[in-house]
C-alpha atoms as a PDB file:
ATOM      1  CA  MET A   1      -8.655   6.222   0.439  1.00  0.00           C
ATOM      2  CA  LYS A   2      -6.351   7.254  -2.206  1.00  0.00           C
ATOM      3  CA  PRO A   3      -2.958   4.953  -2.104  1.00  0.00           C
ATOM      4  CA  ASN A   4       0.208   6.739  -2.196  1.00  0.00           C
ATOM      5  CA  GLY A   5       1.852   4.201  -4.362  1.00  0.00           C
ATOM      6  CA  THR A   6       5.247   5.428  -4.991  1.00  0.00           C
ATOM      7  CA  MET A   7       5.470   5.817  -1.047  1.00  0.00           C
ATOM      8  CA  ILE A   8       4.294   1.778  -0.785  1.00  0.00           C
ATOM      9  CA  ARG A   9       7.012   0.466  -2.626  1.00  0.00           C
ATOM     10  CA  GLY A  10       9.573   2.826  -1.732  1.00  0.00           C
ATOM     11  CA  ILE A  11       8.862   1.635   1.845  1.00  0.00           C
ATOM     12  CA  ARG A  12       8.375  -2.218   0.347  1.00  0.00           C
ATOM     13  CA  ASN A  13      11.816  -1.693  -1.179  1.00  0.00           C
ATOM     14  CA  GLY A  14      13.465  -0.049   1.457  1.00  0.00           C
ATOM     15  CA  ARG A  15      12.475  -2.883   3.724  1.00  0.00           C
ATOM     16  CA  ASN A  16      13.628  -5.533   1.585  1.00  0.00           C
ATOM     17  CA  LEU A  17      10.376  -7.088   0.975  1.00  0.00           C
ATOM     18  CA  SER A  18       9.057  -8.507  -2.831  1.00  0.00           C
ATOM     19  CA  LEU A  19       5.437  -8.596  -3.516  1.00  0.00           C
ATOM     20  CA  ARG A  20       5.373 -12.440  -2.787  1.00  0.00           C
ATOM     21  CA  GLU A  21       6.711 -11.821   0.710  1.00  0.00           C
ATOM     22  CA  LEU A  22       4.121  -8.391   1.165  1.00  0.00           C
ATOM     23  CA  GLU A  23       1.172 -10.738  -0.142  1.00  0.00           C
ATOM     24  CA  ALA A  24       2.131 -13.374   2.436  1.00  0.00           C
ATOM     25  CA  LYS A  25       1.760 -10.473   5.500  1.00  0.00           C
ATOM     26  CA  THR A  26      -1.452  -8.802   4.297  1.00  0.00           C
ATOM     27  CA  GLY A  27      -3.228 -11.962   2.667  1.00  0.00           C
ATOM     28  CA  LEU A  28      -3.842  -9.523  -0.657  1.00  0.00           C
ATOM     29  CA  ASP A  29      -3.177 -10.566  -3.781  1.00  0.00           C
ATOM     30  CA  ARG A  30       0.481  -9.680  -5.677  1.00  0.00           C
ATOM     31  CA  GLY A  31      -1.512  -8.346  -8.563  1.00  0.00           C
ATOM     32  CA  TYR A  32      -3.423  -6.480  -6.241  1.00  0.00           C
ATOM     33  CA  LEU A  33      -0.611  -5.095  -4.500  1.00  0.00           C
ATOM     34  CA  SER A  34       1.403  -4.560  -8.031  1.00  0.00           C
ATOM     35  CA  ARG A  35      -1.564  -2.345  -9.198  1.00  0.00           C
ATOM     36  CA  LEU A  36      -1.664  -0.455  -6.303  1.00  0.00           C
ATOM     37  CA  GLU A  37       1.950   0.424  -6.209  1.00  0.00           C
ATOM     38  CA  ARG A  38       1.513   1.566  -9.938  1.00  0.00           C
ATOM     39  CA  GLU A  39      -1.380   3.434  -8.362  1.00  0.00           C
ATOM     40  CA  GLN A  40      -3.886   1.426 -11.266  1.00  0.00           C
ATOM     41  CA  ILE A  41      -6.197   1.438  -8.269  1.00  0.00           C
ATOM     42  CA  ARG A  42      -7.393   4.800  -7.035  1.00  0.00           C
ATOM     43  CA  ASP A  43      -9.741   3.755  -4.538  1.00  0.00           C
ATOM     44  CA  VAL A  44      -9.436   1.164  -1.398  1.00  0.00           C
ATOM     45  CA  GLY A  45     -11.195   0.275   1.423  1.00  0.00           C
ATOM     46  CA  SER A  46      -9.648   1.344   5.049  1.00  0.00           C
ATOM     47  CA  GLU A  47      -8.902  -2.370   5.696  1.00  0.00           C
ATOM     48  CA  GLN A  48      -6.827  -2.540   2.680  1.00  0.00           C
ATOM     49  CA  VAL A  49      -4.698   0.139   3.802  1.00  0.00           C
ATOM     50  CA  ARG A  50      -4.035  -1.035   7.166  1.00  0.00           C
ATOM     51  CA  ARG A  51      -3.421  -4.198   6.214  1.00  0.00           C
ATOM     52  CA  VAL A  52      -0.504  -2.773   4.252  1.00  0.00           C
ATOM     53  CA  ALA A  53       0.213   0.088   6.617  1.00  0.00           C
ATOM     54  CA  LYS A  54       0.852  -3.168   9.419  1.00  0.00           C
ATOM     55  CA  ALA A  55       2.629  -5.309   7.214  1.00  0.00           C
ATOM     56  CA  LEU A  56       4.793  -2.274   6.472  1.00  0.00           C
ATOM     57  CA  GLY A  57       5.201  -1.244  10.178  1.00  0.00           C
ATOM     58  CA  VAL A  58       4.483   2.102   8.905  1.00  0.00           C
ATOM     59  CA  PRO A  59       1.000   4.394   9.886  1.00  0.00           C
ATOM     60  CA  GLU A  60      -1.921   4.367   7.901  1.00  0.00           C
ATOM     61  CA  ASP A  61      -1.508   7.668   6.913  1.00  0.00           C
ATOM     62  CA  LEU A  62       1.626   7.444   5.642  1.00  0.00           C
ATOM     63  CA  ILE A  63       0.595   5.448   2.376  1.00  0.00           C
ATOM     64  CA  VAL A  64      -2.711   7.357   1.503  1.00  0.00           C
ATOM     65  CA  THR A  65      -2.685  10.685  -0.480  1.00  0.00           C
ATOM     66  CA  LYS A  66      -4.115  13.577   1.819  1.00  0.00           C
ATOM     67  CA  GLU A  67      -7.491  14.760  -0.545  1.00  0.00           C
ATOM     68  CA  THR A  68      -7.254  18.325  -0.320  1.00  0.00           C
ATOM     69  CA  THR A  69     -10.891  20.143  -0.973  1.00  0.00           C
ATOM     70  CA  PRO A  70     -10.878  23.092  -3.483  1.00  0.00           C
END
């Protein structure tokens, strides 16, 4: 799955969550989450997406980029 880092950061900021707070809610490393938001990680597992979506209170499909087939 390809994460939409801009969307993740926007939702996190909109909910006034710091990366440390998101780290605590997801159990994922703060550095990993930062790289995710900066879109330096291009492919993530469904478990990581699920954790982030649950912590942000949004559906999983909102924080992933839809891949189109040519």
